[in-house]
N, C-alpha and C. Protein backbone atom coordinates (compact mmCIF):
# COMPACT_ATOMS: atom_id res chain seq x y z
N UNK A 1 44.15 -45.95 0.05
CA UNK A 1 43.99 -46.94 -0.21
C UNK A 1 42.37 -46.68 -0.61
N UNK A 2 41.76 -46.78 -2.13
CA UNK A 2 40.89 -47.00 -2.68
C UNK A 2 40.34 -47.35 -3.72
N UNK A 3 39.25 -47.34 -4.20
CA UNK A 3 38.97 -48.07 -5.02
C UNK A 3 38.04 -47.20 -6.00
N UNK A 4 37.85 -46.72 -6.92
CA UNK A 4 36.75 -45.88 -7.71
C UNK A 4 36.73 -46.82 -8.87
N UNK A 5 35.12 -46.24 -9.03
CA UNK A 5 34.24 -46.92 -10.41
C UNK A 5 33.65 -45.63 -11.11
N UNK A 6 34.04 -45.63 -12.21
CA UNK A 6 33.02 -44.49 -13.10
C UNK A 6 32.87 -44.73 -14.42
N UNK A 7 32.59 -43.79 -15.44
CA UNK A 7 32.43 -43.33 -16.55
C UNK A 7 33.27 -42.96 -17.67
N UNK A 8 33.72 -43.41 -18.65
CA UNK A 8 34.45 -42.70 -19.74
C UNK A 8 33.41 -42.16 -20.77
N UNK A 9 33.61 -40.88 -21.33
CA UNK A 9 32.76 -40.38 -22.26
C UNK A 9 33.58 -39.95 -23.82
N UNK A 10 33.34 -40.34 -24.68
CA UNK A 10 33.99 -39.93 -25.82
C UNK A 10 32.99 -38.91 -26.98
N UNK A 11 33.43 -37.58 -26.97
CA UNK A 11 32.23 -36.80 -27.55
C UNK A 11 33.26 -35.82 -28.12
N UNK A 12 35.09 -36.32 -28.79
CA UNK A 12 35.54 -35.77 -29.19
C UNK A 12 36.92 -35.23 -28.56
N UNK A 13 36.45 -34.55 -26.92
CA UNK A 13 37.03 -34.64 -26.25
C UNK A 13 36.79 -35.74 -25.17
N UNK A 14 37.33 -35.87 -24.07
CA UNK A 14 36.84 -37.10 -23.13
C UNK A 14 36.53 -36.32 -21.77
N UNK A 15 35.71 -37.22 -20.84
CA UNK A 15 34.99 -36.49 -19.61
C UNK A 15 35.53 -37.78 -18.71
N UNK A 16 35.82 -37.84 -17.68
CA UNK A 16 36.32 -39.31 -16.46
C UNK A 16 35.70 -39.03 -15.67
N UNK A 17 34.36 -39.08 -14.92
CA UNK A 17 33.59 -38.61 -13.01
C UNK A 17 34.30 -40.21 -12.53
N UNK A 18 34.71 -40.26 -11.57
CA UNK A 18 35.15 -41.33 -11.10
C UNK A 18 35.35 -40.98 -9.07
N UNK A 19 34.24 -42.03 -8.24
CA UNK A 19 33.76 -42.32 -7.19
C UNK A 19 34.04 -43.61 -6.82
N UNK A 20 34.26 -43.59 -5.29
CA UNK A 20 34.06 -44.63 -4.62
C UNK A 20 35.30 -44.75 -2.90
N UNK A 21 34.68 -45.64 -2.27
CA UNK A 21 34.98 -45.45 -0.79
C UNK A 21 36.67 -45.57 -0.57
N UNK A 22 37.26 -45.26 0.59
CA UNK A 22 38.45 -45.03 0.46
C UNK A 22 38.76 -45.37 2.28
N UNK A 23 39.94 -45.96 2.33
CA UNK A 23 40.74 -46.03 3.86
C UNK A 23 41.50 -45.03 3.84
N UNK A 24 41.73 -44.14 4.77
CA UNK A 24 43.19 -43.16 4.97
C UNK A 24 43.72 -44.19 6.43
N UNK A 25 44.83 -43.43 6.16
CA UNK A 25 45.65 -43.84 7.55
C UNK A 25 46.70 -43.01 7.57
N UNK A 26 46.38 -42.92 9.12
CA UNK A 26 47.14 -41.02 9.72
C UNK A 26 48.46 -41.94 10.55
N UNK A 27 48.94 -43.08 10.33
CA UNK A 27 49.77 -43.29 11.25
C UNK A 27 49.37 -43.69 12.31
N UNK A 28 49.95 -43.47 13.99
CA UNK A 28 49.88 -43.86 14.98
C UNK A 28 48.19 -42.99 15.51
N UNK A 29 48.00 -42.31 14.92
CA UNK A 29 46.53 -41.47 14.73
C UNK A 29 45.54 -42.66 14.43
N UNK A 30 45.61 -43.56 13.91
CA UNK A 30 44.63 -44.68 12.86
C UNK A 30 44.09 -44.51 12.00
N UNK A 31 42.92 -44.93 11.43
CA UNK A 31 42.59 -44.75 10.29
C UNK A 31 41.42 -44.93 10.12
N UNK A 32 40.62 -44.09 8.77
CA UNK A 32 39.26 -43.85 8.67
C UNK A 32 38.88 -44.25 7.63
N UNK A 33 37.17 -44.22 7.31
CA UNK A 33 36.73 -44.25 6.15
C UNK A 33 36.07 -43.15 5.86
N UNK A 34 36.50 -43.02 4.47
CA UNK A 34 35.60 -41.80 3.77
C UNK A 34 35.51 -42.48 2.33
N UNK A 35 35.67 -40.95 1.70
CA UNK A 35 34.86 -41.29 0.33
C UNK A 35 35.85 -40.41 -0.78
N UNK A 36 36.11 -40.80 -1.73
CA UNK A 36 37.05 -39.89 -2.95
C UNK A 36 36.30 -40.20 -4.17
N UNK A 37 36.41 -38.78 -4.53
CA UNK A 37 35.58 -38.76 -6.03
C UNK A 37 37.21 -38.00 -7.04
N UNK A 38 37.06 -38.04 -8.06
CA UNK A 38 38.04 -37.26 -9.13
C UNK A 38 37.58 -37.68 -10.39
N UNK A 39 37.31 -35.67 -11.35
CA UNK A 39 37.22 -35.86 -12.68
C UNK A 39 37.85 -35.20 -13.10
N UNK A 40 38.35 -35.91 -14.42
CA UNK A 40 38.87 -34.66 -15.84
C UNK A 40 38.10 -34.55 -17.19
N UNK A 41 38.67 -33.52 -17.46
CA UNK A 41 38.11 -33.32 -18.86
C UNK A 41 39.48 -33.29 -19.47
N UNK A 42 39.65 -33.95 -20.76
CA UNK A 42 40.64 -33.60 -21.92
C UNK A 42 40.04 -33.15 -23.09
N UNK A 43 40.90 -32.28 -23.78
CA UNK A 43 40.71 -32.14 -25.53
C UNK A 43 40.87 -32.75 -26.41
N UNK A 44 40.30 -32.66 -27.46
CA UNK A 44 40.69 -33.91 -28.29
C UNK A 44 42.30 -33.80 -28.51
N UNK A 45 42.69 -34.66 -28.83
CA UNK A 45 44.10 -35.10 -28.98
C UNK A 45 44.28 -34.11 -30.75
N UNK A 46 45.45 -33.77 -30.21
CA UNK A 46 46.69 -32.98 -31.22
C UNK A 46 47.93 -33.92 -31.10
N UNK A 47 48.19 -34.42 -32.70
CA UNK A 47 49.08 -35.19 -32.56
C UNK A 47 49.89 -35.87 -31.23
N UNK A 48 48.94 -36.42 -30.94
CA UNK A 48 49.22 -37.67 -29.49
C UNK A 48 49.15 -36.79 -28.08
N UNK A 49 48.47 -35.29 -28.37
CA UNK A 49 49.00 -34.81 -27.04
C UNK A 49 47.19 -33.73 -27.05
N UNK A 50 46.94 -34.10 -25.42
CA UNK A 50 45.74 -33.47 -25.10
C UNK A 50 45.99 -32.53 -24.07
N UNK A 51 45.43 -31.41 -23.86
CA UNK A 51 45.26 -30.92 -22.74
C UNK A 51 44.25 -31.09 -21.11
N UNK A 52 44.61 -31.21 -20.28
CA UNK A 52 43.82 -32.13 -19.42
C UNK A 52 43.61 -30.97 -18.18
N UNK A 53 42.22 -31.33 -17.54
CA UNK A 53 42.00 -30.25 -16.51
C UNK A 53 41.08 -31.33 -15.42
N UNK A 54 41.97 -31.69 -14.20
CA UNK A 54 41.21 -32.25 -13.34
C UNK A 54 40.93 -31.22 -11.98
N UNK A 55 40.33 -32.70 -11.17
CA UNK A 55 39.66 -31.86 -9.67
C UNK A 55 39.55 -33.31 -8.86
N UNK A 56 40.42 -33.25 -8.02
CA UNK A 56 39.77 -34.68 -7.08
C UNK A 56 39.52 -33.75 -5.53
N UNK A 57 38.42 -34.74 -5.34
CA UNK A 57 38.18 -33.90 -3.18
C UNK A 57 38.39 -35.44 -2.79
N UNK A 58 38.24 -35.64 -1.46
CA UNK A 58 38.09 -36.46 -0.19
C UNK A 58 37.32 -35.73 1.16
N UNK A 59 36.74 -37.11 1.40
CA UNK A 59 35.55 -36.39 2.71
C UNK A 59 35.74 -37.63 3.25
N UNK A 60 36.09 -37.24 4.90
CA UNK A 60 36.58 -37.97 5.57
C UNK A 60 35.29 -37.69 7.05
N UNK A 61 34.49 -38.13 6.99
CA UNK A 61 32.89 -37.91 7.85
C UNK A 61 33.27 -37.51 9.32
N UNK A 62 34.19 -38.74 9.67
CA UNK A 62 34.22 -38.71 11.31
C UNK A 62 36.04 -39.43 11.50
N UNK A 63 36.92 -38.77 11.62
CA UNK A 63 38.11 -39.11 12.13
C UNK A 63 38.35 -37.88 13.63
N UNK A 64 38.61 -38.70 14.39
CA UNK A 64 39.22 -38.02 15.69
C UNK A 64 37.81 -37.27 16.05
N UNK A 65 36.42 -37.24 15.61
CA UNK A 65 35.18 -36.56 16.12
C UNK A 65 35.20 -35.50 15.21
N UNK A 66 36.01 -35.34 13.87
CA UNK A 66 35.86 -33.93 13.57
C UNK A 66 35.93 -34.55 11.65
N UNK A 67 34.81 -33.50 11.05
CA UNK A 67 34.95 -33.61 9.42
C UNK A 67 35.72 -33.51 9.06
N UNK A 68 36.56 -33.77 7.89
CA UNK A 68 37.70 -33.38 7.21
C UNK A 68 37.54 -33.38 5.91
N UNK A 69 37.80 -32.28 5.05
CA UNK A 69 37.54 -32.89 3.11
C UNK A 69 38.89 -32.08 2.86
N UNK A 70 39.04 -32.66 1.82
CA UNK A 70 40.29 -32.48 0.94
C UNK A 70 40.16 -31.95 -0.44
N UNK A 71 40.55 -31.14 -1.17
CA UNK A 71 40.37 -31.02 -2.58
C UNK A 71 41.41 -30.88 -3.19
N UNK A 72 41.62 -30.72 -4.29
CA UNK A 72 42.87 -30.52 -5.60
C UNK A 72 42.35 -30.18 -6.90
N UNK A 73 42.98 -29.37 -7.51
CA UNK A 73 42.59 -29.00 -9.14
C UNK A 73 43.97 -29.27 -9.83
N UNK A 74 43.80 -29.47 -11.06
CA UNK A 74 45.50 -29.55 -11.73
C UNK A 74 45.08 -29.56 -13.31
N UNK A 75 46.15 -29.26 -13.65
CA UNK A 75 46.29 -29.00 -15.57
C UNK A 75 47.32 -29.22 -16.14
N UNK A 76 47.40 -29.72 -17.06
CA UNK A 76 48.32 -30.62 -17.48
C UNK A 76 48.05 -31.49 -18.98
N UNK A 77 49.65 -32.07 -19.52
CA UNK A 77 49.23 -32.95 -21.00
C UNK A 77 49.41 -34.04 -21.02
N UNK A 78 48.44 -34.46 -21.16
CA UNK A 78 48.25 -36.25 -22.02
C UNK A 78 48.56 -36.66 -23.03
N UNK A 79 49.76 -37.97 -23.14
CA UNK A 79 50.17 -38.47 -24.31
C UNK A 79 49.35 -39.20 -24.19
N UNK A 80 48.86 -39.44 -25.65
CA UNK A 80 48.11 -40.66 -26.15
C UNK A 80 48.43 -41.61 -27.04
């Protein structure tokens, strides 16, 4: 579960950076607090379609005594 807060800017294209605290659950291994971030940029819409590039990251500073970090990247199409 996470709560993200951020901004959205429109300058022909859109940019949305988001960040916030997260709770990560690993079944019988337990639960840990961490941070999560997400950012995406989208081209100006053409016939209600925009190209989108996004990045997501998560950081769990102390789970079972170790630092864990995850990242992901994506590209896609947004229907507006």
